[in-house]
PDB file of N, CA and C in Angstrom:
ATOM      1  N   MET A   1     -13.225 -57.887 -59.952  1.00  0.00           N
ATOM      2  CA  MET A   1     -13.531 -57.586 -61.331  1.00  0.00           C
ATOM      3  C   MET A   1     -14.973 -57.974 -61.653  1.00  0.00           C
ATOM      4  N   ASP A   2     -15.452 -59.040 -61.047  1.00  0.00           N
ATOM      5  CA  ASP A   2     -16.824 -59.471 -61.303  1.00  0.00           C
ATOM      6  C   ASP A   2     -17.818 -58.435 -60.797  1.00  0.00           C
ATOM      7  N   LYS A   3     -17.495 -57.808 -59.661  1.00  0.00           N
ATOM      8  CA  LYS A   3     -18.375 -56.795 -59.103  1.00  0.00           C
ATOM      9  C   LYS A   3     -18.464 -55.588 -60.035  1.00  0.00           C
ATOM     10  N   LEU A   4     -17.303 -55.177 -60.563  1.00  0.00           N
ATOM     11  CA  LEU A   4     -17.278 -54.044 -61.481  1.00  0.00           C
ATOM     12  C   LEU A   4     -18.040 -54.377 -62.772  1.00  0.00           C
ATOM     13  N   THR A   5     -17.845 -55.572 -63.269  1.00  0.00           N
ATOM     14  CA  THR A   5     -18.534 -55.991 -64.492  1.00  0.00           C
ATOM     15  C   THR A   5     -20.042 -55.990 -64.288  1.00  0.00           C
ATOM     16  N   ARG A   6     -20.464 -56.497 -63.152  1.00  0.00           N
ATOM     17  CA  ARG A   6     -21.903 -56.549 -62.857  1.00  0.00           C
ATOM     18  C   ARG A   6     -22.481 -55.130 -62.734  1.00  0.00           C
ATOM     19  N   ARG A   7     -21.745 -54.238 -62.070  1.00  0.00           N
ATOM     20  CA  ARG A   7     -22.224 -52.865 -61.927  1.00  0.00           C
ATOM     21  C   ARG A   7     -22.309 -52.158 -63.278  1.00  0.00           C
ATOM     22  N   LEU A   8     -21.304 -52.381 -64.132  1.00  0.00           N
ATOM     23  CA  LEU A   8     -21.328 -51.762 -65.461  1.00  0.00           C
ATOM     24  C   LEU A   8     -22.507 -52.273 -66.292  1.00  0.00           C
ATOM     25  N   ARG A   9     -22.759 -53.567 -66.215  1.00  0.00           N
ATOM     26  CA  ARG A   9     -23.892 -54.130 -66.966  1.00  0.00           C
ATOM     27  C   ARG A   9     -25.222 -53.604 -66.435  1.00  0.00           C
ATOM     28  N   ASP A  10     -25.332 -53.481 -65.114  1.00  0.00           N
ATOM     29  CA  ASP A  10     -26.561 -52.932 -64.528  1.00  0.00           C
ATOM     30  C   ASP A  10     -26.761 -51.492 -64.957  1.00  0.00           C
ATOM     31  N   ASP A  11     -25.670 -50.710 -64.946  1.00  0.00           N
ATOM     32  CA  ASP A  11     -25.765 -49.316 -65.395  1.00  0.00           C
ATOM     33  C   ASP A  11     -26.151 -49.243 -66.864  1.00  0.00           C
ATOM     34  N   ALA A  12     -25.597 -50.110 -67.686  1.00  0.00           N
ATOM     35  CA  ALA A  12     -25.920 -50.106 -69.118  1.00  0.00           C
ATOM     36  C   ALA A  12     -27.385 -50.481 -69.337  1.00  0.00           C
ATOM     37  N   ASP A  13     -27.905 -51.397 -68.538  1.00  0.00           N
ATOM     38  CA  ASP A  13     -29.312 -51.784 -68.679  1.00  0.00           C
ATOM     39  C   ASP A  13     -30.248 -50.643 -68.281  1.00  0.00           C
ATOM     40  N   ASN A  14     -29.796 -49.762 -67.397  1.00  0.00           N
ATOM     41  CA  ASN A  14     -30.640 -48.666 -66.927  1.00  0.00           C
ATOM     42  C   ASN A  14     -30.627 -47.455 -67.868  1.00  0.00           C
ATOM     43  N   ILE A  15     -29.791 -47.460 -68.863  1.00  0.00           N
ATOM     44  CA  ILE A  15     -29.727 -46.335 -69.802  1.00  0.00           C
ATOM     45  C   ILE A  15     -30.909 -46.431 -70.754  1.00  0.00           C
ATOM     46  N   GLN A  16     -31.679 -45.359 -70.809  1.00  0.00           N
ATOM     47  CA  GLN A  16     -32.838 -45.291 -71.700  1.00  0.00           C
ATOM     48  C   GLN A  16     -32.538 -44.273 -72.787  1.00  0.00           C
ATOM     49  N   VAL A  17     -32.568 -44.706 -74.040  1.00  0.00           N
ATOM     50  CA  VAL A  17     -32.268 -43.820 -75.163  1.00  0.00           C
ATOM     51  C   VAL A  17     -33.461 -43.798 -76.097  1.00  0.00           C
ATOM     52  N   VAL A  18     -33.833 -42.592 -76.486  1.00  0.00           N
ATOM     53  CA  VAL A  18     -34.926 -42.431 -77.436  1.00  0.00           C
ATOM     54  C   VAL A  18     -34.371 -41.704 -78.649  1.00  0.00           C
ATOM     55  N   VAL A  19     -34.508 -42.316 -79.827  1.00  0.00           N
ATOM     56  CA  VAL A  19     -34.025 -41.718 -81.067  1.00  0.00           C
ATOM     57  C   VAL A  19     -35.239 -41.316 -81.889  1.00  0.00           C
ATOM     58  N   SER A  20     -35.240 -40.064 -82.300  1.00  0.00           N
ATOM     59  CA  SER A  20     -36.378 -39.585 -83.097  1.00  0.00           C
ATOM     60  C   SER A  20     -36.362 -40.254 -84.466  1.00  0.00           C
ATOM     61  N   ASP A  21     -37.511 -40.235 -85.097  1.00  0.00           N
ATOM     62  CA  ASP A  21     -37.614 -40.833 -86.439  1.00  0.00           C
ATOM     63  C   ASP A  21     -36.713 -40.097 -87.432  1.00  0.00           C
ATOM     64  N   GLU A  22     -36.640 -38.790 -87.290  1.00  0.00           N
ATOM     65  CA  GLU A  22     -35.794 -38.012 -88.208  1.00  0.00           C
ATOM     66  C   GLU A  22     -34.319 -38.399 -88.062  1.00  0.00           C
ATOM     67  N   LEU A  23     -33.832 -38.522 -86.816  1.00  0.00           N
ATOM     68  CA  LEU A  23     -32.436 -38.908 -86.594  1.00  0.00           C
ATOM     69  C   LEU A  23     -32.186 -40.310 -87.120  1.00  0.00           C
ATOM     70  N   ASP A  24     -33.135 -41.208 -86.905  1.00  0.00           N
ATOM     71  CA  ASP A  24     -32.979 -42.570 -87.397  1.00  0.00           C
ATOM     72  C   ASP A  24     -32.893 -42.592 -88.921  1.00  0.00           C
ATOM     73  N   ARG A  25     -33.726 -41.797 -89.611  1.00  0.00           N
ATOM     74  CA  ARG A  25     -33.663 -41.730 -91.076  1.00  0.00           C
ATOM     75  C   ARG A  25     -32.330 -41.141 -91.537  1.00  0.00           C
ATOM     76  N   ARG A  26     -31.838 -40.105 -90.846  1.00  0.00           N
ATOM     77  CA  ARG A  26     -30.562 -39.489 -91.238  1.00  0.00           C
ATOM     78  C   ARG A  26     -29.398 -40.454 -91.061  1.00  0.00           C
ATOM     79  N   ILE A  27     -29.410 -41.205 -89.961  1.00  0.00           N
ATOM     80  CA  ILE A  27     -28.341 -42.192 -89.733  1.00  0.00           C
ATOM     81  C   ILE A  27     -28.392 -43.274 -90.800  1.00  0.00           C
ATOM     82  N   THR A  28     -29.571 -43.766 -91.099  1.00  0.00           N
ATOM     83  CA  THR A  28     -29.716 -44.798 -92.124  1.00  0.00           C
ATOM     84  C   THR A  28     -29.262 -44.292 -93.483  1.00  0.00           C
ATOM     85  N   ALA A  29     -29.641 -43.050 -93.828  1.00  0.00           N
ATOM     86  CA  ALA A  29     -29.231 -42.481 -95.112  1.00  0.00           C
ATOM     87  C   ALA A  29     -27.717 -42.315 -95.171  1.00  0.00           C
ATOM     88  N   SER A  30     -27.121 -41.895 -94.061  1.00  0.00           N
ATOM     89  CA  SER A  30     -25.661 -41.738 -94.046  1.00  0.00           C
ATOM     90  C   SER A  30     -24.958 -43.074 -94.233  1.00  0.00           C
ATOM     91  N   LEU A  31     -25.467 -44.109 -93.581  1.00  0.00           N
ATOM     92  CA  LEU A  31     -24.844 -45.430 -93.711  1.00  0.00           C
ATOM     93  C   LEU A  31     -24.977 -45.985 -95.121  1.00  0.00           C
ATOM     94  N   HIS A  32     -26.095 -45.713 -95.780  1.00  0.00           N
ATOM     95  CA  HIS A  32     -26.284 -46.208 -97.142  1.00  0.00           C
ATOM     96  C   HIS A  32     -25.516 -45.379 -98.164  1.00  0.00           C
ATOM     97  N   ALA A  33     -25.187 -44.137 -97.837  1.00  0.00           N
ATOM     98  CA  ALA A  33     -24.478 -43.267 -98.779  1.00  0.00           C
ATOM     99  C   ALA A  33     -22.973 -43.534 -98.796  1.00  0.00           C
ATOM    100  N   VAL A  34     -22.492 -44.307 -97.871  1.00  0.00           N
ATOM    101  CA  VAL A  34     -21.052 -44.571 -97.792  1.00  0.00           C
ATOM    102  C   VAL A  34     -20.640 -45.527 -98.897  1.00  0.00           C
ATOM    103  N   GLU A  35     -19.567 -45.179 -99.588  1.00  0.00           N
ATOM    104  CA  GLU A  35     -19.031 -46.047-100.635  1.00  0.00           C
ATOM    105  C   GLU A  35     -17.630 -46.487-100.228  1.00  0.00           C
ATOM    106  N   PRO A  36     -17.261 -47.699-100.564  1.00  0.00           N
ATOM    107  CA  PRO A  36     -15.895 -48.122-100.239  1.00  0.00           C
ATOM    108  C   PRO A  36     -14.879 -47.323-101.054  1.00  0.00           C
ATOM    109  N   LEU A  37     -13.736 -47.096-100.454  1.00  0.00           N
ATOM    110  CA  LEU A  37     -12.674 -46.377-101.157  1.00  0.00           C
ATOM    111  C   LEU A  37     -12.124 -47.240-102.290  1.00  0.00           C
ATOM    112  N   PRO A  38     -11.782 -46.610-103.397  1.00  0.00           N
ATOM    113  CA  PRO A  38     -11.183 -47.398-104.483  1.00  0.00           C
ATOM    114  C   PRO A  38      -9.806 -47.902-104.064  1.00  0.00           C
ATOM    115  N   GLU A  39      -9.476 -49.068-104.541  1.00  0.00           N
ATOM    116  CA  GLU A  39      -8.174 -49.639-104.194  1.00  0.00           C
ATOM    117  C   GLU A  39      -7.078 -48.869-104.909  1.00  0.00           C
ATOM    118  N   ARG A  40      -6.036 -48.569-104.146  1.00  0.00           N
ATOM    119  CA  ARG A  40      -4.892 -47.867-104.725  1.00  0.00           C
ATOM    120  C   ARG A  40      -3.785 -48.873-105.000  1.00  0.00           C
ATOM    121  N   ALA A  41      -3.031 -48.583-106.017  1.00  0.00           N
ATOM    122  CA  ALA A  41      -1.901 -49.451-106.337  1.00  0.00           C
ATOM    123  C   ALA A  41      -0.855 -49.316-105.229  1.00  0.00           C
ATOM    124  N   VAL A  42      -0.276 -50.427-104.868  1.00  0.00           N
ATOM    125  CA  VAL A  42       0.746 -50.421-103.831  1.00  0.00           C
ATOM    126  C   VAL A  42       2.038 -49.896-104.431  1.00  0.00           C
ATOM    127  N   ARG A  43       2.549 -48.855-103.802  1.00  0.00           N
ATOM    128  CA  ARG A  43       3.792 -48.263-104.281  1.00  0.00           C
ATOM    129  C   ARG A  43       4.972 -49.057-103.742  1.00  0.00           C
ATOM    130  N   PRO A  44       5.916 -49.405-104.573  1.00  0.00           N
ATOM    131  CA  PRO A  44       7.075 -50.147-104.059  1.00  0.00           C
ATOM    132  C   PRO A  44       7.903 -49.260-103.130  1.00  0.00           C
ATOM    133  N   GLY A  45       8.533 -49.880-102.177  1.00  0.00           N
ATOM    134  CA  GLY A  45       9.360 -49.155-101.220  1.00  0.00           C
ATOM    135  C   GLY A  45      10.660 -48.701-101.851  1.00  0.00           C
ATOM    136  N   PRO A  46      11.470 -48.013-101.068  1.00  0.00           N
ATOM    137  CA  PRO A  46      12.744 -47.534-101.608  1.00  0.00           C
ATOM    138  C   PRO A  46      13.633 -48.698-102.025  1.00  0.00           C
ATOM    139  N   SER A  47      14.391 -48.472-103.052  1.00  0.00           N
ATOM    140  CA  SER A  47      15.237 -49.545-103.575  1.00  0.00           C
ATOM    141  C   SER A  47      16.497 -49.693-102.712  1.00  0.00           C
ATOM    142  N   ALA A  48      17.213 -50.772-102.952  1.00  0.00           N
ATOM    143  CA  ALA A  48      18.440 -51.036-102.190  1.00  0.00           C
ATOM    144  C   ALA A  48      19.499 -49.992-102.505  1.00  0.00           C
ATOM    145  N   SER A  49      19.515 -49.464-103.721  1.00  0.00           N
ATOM    146  CA  SER A  49      20.524 -48.462-104.055  1.00  0.00           C
ATOM    147  C   SER A  49      20.303 -47.185-103.240  1.00  0.00           C
ATOM    148  N   PHE A  50      19.048 -46.841-102.985  1.00  0.00           N
ATOM    149  CA  PHE A  50      18.767 -45.684-102.147  1.00  0.00           C
ATOM    150  C   PHE A  50      19.282 -45.927-100.733  1.00  0.00           C
ATOM    151  N   TRP A  51      19.098 -47.139-100.216  1.00  0.00           N
ATOM    152  CA  TRP A  51      19.568 -47.488 -98.874  1.00  0.00           C
ATOM    153  C   TRP A  51      21.087 -47.372 -98.811  1.00  0.00           C
ATOM    154  N   TRP A  52      21.782 -47.921 -99.809  1.00  0.00           N
ATOM    155  CA  TRP A  52      23.237 -47.839 -99.824  1.00  0.00           C
ATOM    156  C   TRP A  52      23.701 -46.385 -99.939  1.00  0.00           C
ATOM    157  N   ALA A  53      23.066 -45.610-100.767  1.00  0.00           N
ATOM    158  CA  ALA A  53      23.465 -44.220-100.952  1.00  0.00           C
ATOM    159  C   ALA A  53      23.287 -43.431 -99.654  1.00  0.00           C
ATOM    160  N   SER A  54      22.183 -43.636 -98.967  1.00  0.00           N
ATOM    161  CA  SER A  54      21.970 -42.899 -97.718  1.00  0.00           C
ATOM    162  C   SER A  54      22.927 -43.363 -96.631  1.00  0.00           C
ATOM    163  N   THR A  55      23.259 -44.652 -96.615  1.00  0.00           N
ATOM    164  CA  THR A  55      24.216 -45.164 -95.631  1.00  0.00           C
ATOM    165  C   THR A  55      25.593 -44.573 -95.865  1.00  0.00           C
ATOM    166  N   ILE A  56      26.040 -44.567 -97.098  1.00  0.00           N
ATOM    167  CA  ILE A  56      27.365 -44.024 -97.426  1.00  0.00           C
ATOM    168  C   ILE A  56      27.407 -42.526 -97.144  1.00  0.00           C
ATOM    169  N   ALA A  57      26.343 -41.812 -97.466  1.00  0.00           N
ATOM    170  CA  ALA A  57      26.303 -40.372 -97.196  1.00  0.00           C
ATOM    171  C   ALA A  57      26.356 -40.112 -95.691  1.00  0.00           C
ATOM    172  N   GLY A  58      25.675 -40.920 -94.908  1.00  0.00           N
ATOM    173  CA  GLY A  58      25.711 -40.762 -93.449  1.00  0.00           C
ATOM    174  C   GLY A  58      27.079 -41.020 -92.874  1.00  0.00           C
ATOM    175  N   VAL A  59      27.752 -42.064 -93.347  1.00  0.00           N
ATOM    176  CA  VAL A  59      29.102 -42.373 -92.871  1.00  0.00           C
ATOM    177  C   VAL A  59      30.073 -41.269 -93.271  1.00  0.00           C
ATOM    178  N   ALA A  60      29.945 -40.760 -94.483  1.00  0.00           N
ATOM    179  CA  ALA A  60      30.818 -39.672 -94.931  1.00  0.00           C
ATOM    180  C   ALA A  60      30.591 -38.410 -94.104  1.00  0.00           C
ATOM    181  N   ALA A  61      29.339 -38.102 -93.794  1.00  0.00           N
ATOM    182  CA  ALA A  61      29.042 -36.924 -92.976  1.00  0.00           C
ATOM    183  C   ALA A  61      29.601 -37.078 -91.577  1.00  0.00           C
ATOM    184  N   ALA A  62      29.486 -38.272 -90.999  1.00  0.00           N
ATOM    185  CA  ALA A  62      30.023 -38.514 -89.657  1.00  0.00           C
ATOM    186  C   ALA A  62      31.540 -38.388 -89.656  1.00  0.00           C
ATOM    187  N   ALA A  63      32.197 -38.938 -90.669  1.00  0.00           N
ATOM    188  CA  ALA A  63      33.661 -38.838 -90.752  1.00  0.00           C
ATOM    189  C   ALA A  63      34.098 -37.389 -90.921  1.00  0.00           C
ATOM    190  N   ALA A  64      33.371 -36.621 -91.733  1.00  0.00           N
ATOM    191  CA  ALA A  64      33.710 -35.211 -91.919  1.00  0.00           C
ATOM    192  C   ALA A  64      33.541 -34.439 -90.622  1.00  0.00           C
ATOM    193  N   LEU A  65      32.492 -34.735 -89.865  1.00  0.00           N
ATOM    194  CA  LEU A  65      32.265 -34.062 -88.592  1.00  0.00           C
ATOM    195  C   LEU A  65      33.373 -34.372 -87.601  1.00  0.00           C
ATOM    196  N   VAL A  66      33.778 -35.631 -87.510  1.00  0.00           N
ATOM    197  CA  VAL A  66      34.874 -36.006 -86.606  1.00  0.00           C
ATOM    198  C   VAL A  66      36.167 -35.305 -87.022  1.00  0.00           C
ATOM    199  N   ALA A  67      36.421 -35.244 -88.312  1.00  0.00           N
ATOM    200  CA  ALA A  67      37.645 -34.586 -88.790  1.00  0.00           C
ATOM    201  C   ALA A  67      37.635 -33.100 -88.462  1.00  0.00           C
ATOM    202  N   VAL A  68      36.518 -32.416 -88.668  1.00  0.00           N
ATOM    203  CA  VAL A  68      36.449 -30.981 -88.393  1.00  0.00           C
ATOM    204  C   VAL A  68      36.571 -30.705 -86.905  1.00  0.00           C
ATOM    205  N   VAL A  69      35.918 -31.491 -86.077  1.00  0.00           N
ATOM    206  CA  VAL A  69      35.990 -31.280 -84.628  1.00  0.00           C
ATOM    207  C   VAL A  69      37.409 -31.524 -84.130  1.00  0.00           C
ATOM    208  N   ASN A  70      38.057 -32.570 -84.596  1.00  0.00           N
ATOM    209  CA  ASN A  70      39.413 -32.859 -84.146  1.00  0.00           C
ATOM    210  C   ASN A  70      40.425 -31.877 -84.723  1.00  0.00           C
ATOM    211  N   TRP A  71      40.173 -31.335 -85.878  1.00  0.00           N
ATOM    212  CA  TRP A  71      41.092 -30.393 -86.502  1.00  0.00           C
ATOM    213  C   TRP A  71      41.137 -29.084 -85.715  1.00  0.00           C
ATOM    214  N   ARG A  72      40.005 -28.660 -85.190  1.00  0.00           N
ATOM    215  CA  ARG A  72      39.924 -27.406 -84.457  1.00  0.00           C
ATOM    216  C   ARG A  72      40.137 -27.588 -82.957  1.00  0.00           C
ATOM    217  N   ALA A  73      40.341 -28.786 -82.490  1.00  0.00           N
ATOM    218  CA  ALA A  73      40.525 -29.028 -81.060  1.00  0.00           C
ATOM    219  C   ALA A  73      41.885 -28.505 -80.617  1.00  0.00           C
ATOM    220  N   PRO A  74      41.946 -27.978 -79.383  1.00  0.00           N
ATOM    221  CA  PRO A  74      43.239 -27.506 -78.878  1.00  0.00           C
ATOM    222  C   PRO A  74      44.185 -28.686 -78.632  1.00  0.00           C
ATOM    223  N   ALA A  75      45.453 -28.361 -78.549  1.00  0.00           N
ATOM    224  CA  ALA A  75      46.456 -29.404 -78.309  1.00  0.00           C
ATOM    225  C   ALA A  75      46.213 -30.021 -76.936  1.00  0.00           C
ATOM    226  N   PRO A  76      46.451 -31.311 -76.793  1.00  0.00           N
ATOM    227  CA  PRO A  76      46.219 -31.944 -75.499  1.00  0.00           C
ATOM    228  C   PRO A  76      47.195 -31.425 -74.449  1.00  0.00           C
ATOM    229  N   VAL A  77      46.717 -31.318 -73.228  1.00  0.00           N
ATOM    230  CA  VAL A  77      47.538 -30.840 -72.111  1.00  0.00           C
ATOM    231  C   VAL A  77      48.263 -32.037 -71.526  1.00  0.00           C
ATOM    232  N   PRO A  78      49.595 -31.935 -71.358  1.00  0.00           N
ATOM    233  CA  PRO A  78      50.313 -33.074 -70.782  1.00  0.00           C
ATOM    234  C   PRO A  78      49.899 -33.287 -69.320  1.00  0.00           C
ATOM    235  N   VAL A  79      49.761 -34.551 -68.951  1.00  0.00           N
ATOM    236  CA  VAL A  79      49.347 -34.915 -67.608  1.00  0.00           C
ATOM    237  C   VAL A  79      50.512 -35.600 -66.920  1.00  0.00           C
ATOM    238  N   GLU A  80      50.739 -35.215 -65.671  1.00  0.00           N
ATOM    239  CA  GLU A  80      51.824 -35.829 -64.905  1.00  0.00           C
ATOM    240  C   GLU A  80      51.395 -37.237 -64.504  1.00  0.00           C
ATOM    241  N   LYS A  81      52.257 -38.196 -64.805  1.00  0.00           N
ATOM    242  CA  LYS A  81      51.934 -39.576 -64.480  1.00  0.00           C
ATOM    243  C   LYS A  81      52.357 -39.839 -63.040  1.00  0.00           C
ATOM    244  N   ARG A  82      51.460 -40.484 -62.303  1.00  0.00           N
ATOM    245  CA  ARG A  82      51.761 -40.828 -60.913  1.00  0.00           C
ATOM    246  C   ARG A  82      51.415 -42.288 -60.688  1.00  0.00           C
ATOM    247  N   THR A  83      52.092 -42.846 -59.740  1.00  0.00           N
ATOM    248  CA  THR A  83      51.792 -44.232 -59.382  1.00  0.00           C
ATOM    249  C   THR A  83      50.642 -44.248 -58.392  1.00  0.00           C
ATOM    250  N   TRP A  84      50.086 -45.429 -58.198  1.00  0.00           N
ATOM    251  CA  TRP A  84      48.972 -45.556 -57.279  1.00  0.00           C
ATOM    252  C   TRP A  84      49.382 -45.159 -55.866  1.00  0.00           C
ATOM    253  N   GLY A  85      50.573 -45.499 -55.474  1.00  0.00           N
ATOM    254  CA  GLY A  85      51.042 -45.141 -54.132  1.00  0.00           C
ATOM    255  C   GLY A  85      51.124 -43.631 -53.952  1.00  0.00           C
ATOM    256  N   ALA A  86      51.581 -42.908 -54.972  1.00  0.00           N
ATOM    257  CA  ALA A  86      51.684 -41.459 -54.876  1.00  0.00           C
ATOM    258  C   ALA A  86      50.302 -40.821 -54.805  1.00  0.00           C
ATOM    259  N   ILE A  87      49.362 -41.352 -55.513  1.00  0.00           N
ATOM    260  CA  ILE A  87      47.995 -40.812 -55.491  1.00  0.00           C
ATOM    261  C   ILE A  87      47.357 -41.081 -54.130  1.00  0.00           C
ATOM    262  N   ARG A  88      47.551 -42.275 -53.593  1.00  0.00           N
ATOM    263  CA  ARG A  88      46.972 -42.622 -52.302  1.00  0.00           C
ATOM    264  C   ARG A  88      47.553 -41.749 -51.198  1.00  0.00           C
ATOM    265  N   SER A  89      48.837 -41.436 -51.296  1.00  0.00           N
ATOM    266  CA  SER A  89      49.464 -40.604 -50.261  1.00  0.00           C
ATOM    267  C   SER A  89      48.923 -39.171 -50.271  1.00  0.00           C
ATOM    268  N   LEU A  90      48.427 -38.686 -51.408  1.00  0.00           N
ATOM    269  CA  LEU A  90      47.847 -37.353 -51.455  1.00  0.00           C
ATOM    270  C   LEU A  90      46.574 -37.267 -50.613  1.00  0.00           C
ATOM    271  N   TYR A  91      45.793 -38.343 -50.553  1.00  0.00           N
ATOM    272  CA  TYR A  91      44.531 -38.335 -49.830  1.00  0.00           C
ATOM    273  C   TYR A  91      44.667 -38.782 -48.384  1.00  0.00           C
ATOM    274  N   GLN A  92      45.784 -39.339 -47.977  1.00  0.00           N
ATOM    275  CA  GLN A  92      45.946 -39.802 -46.594  1.00  0.00           C
ATOM    276  C   GLN A  92      46.393 -38.662 -45.696  1.00  0.00           C
ATOM    277  N   ASN A  93      46.982 -37.645 -46.205  1.00  0.00           N
ATOM    278  CA  ASN A  93      47.470 -36.543 -45.357  1.00  0.00           C
ATOM    279  C   ASN A  93      46.408 -35.578 -45.049  1.00  0.00           C
TER     280      ASN A  93
END
């Protein structure tokens, strides 16, 4: 890292920049023409009632979605129950 730092500093020292008088005057004029922005009043954040309302609306929407999806779902297919021994015997043959 020291080698890189030294090389960067050497390169920076070798940079020669010439700024014309006109450019220097324009930069100075631009810097002096800048005005600070007026302070704006801080707007209060959303109230707790808004937070509660959005939370309740989200929970209601999720419950409605679950109800609609389950209402239109096909009837479950019965599955034959097998013991572990019966399942293992299917793969041993």
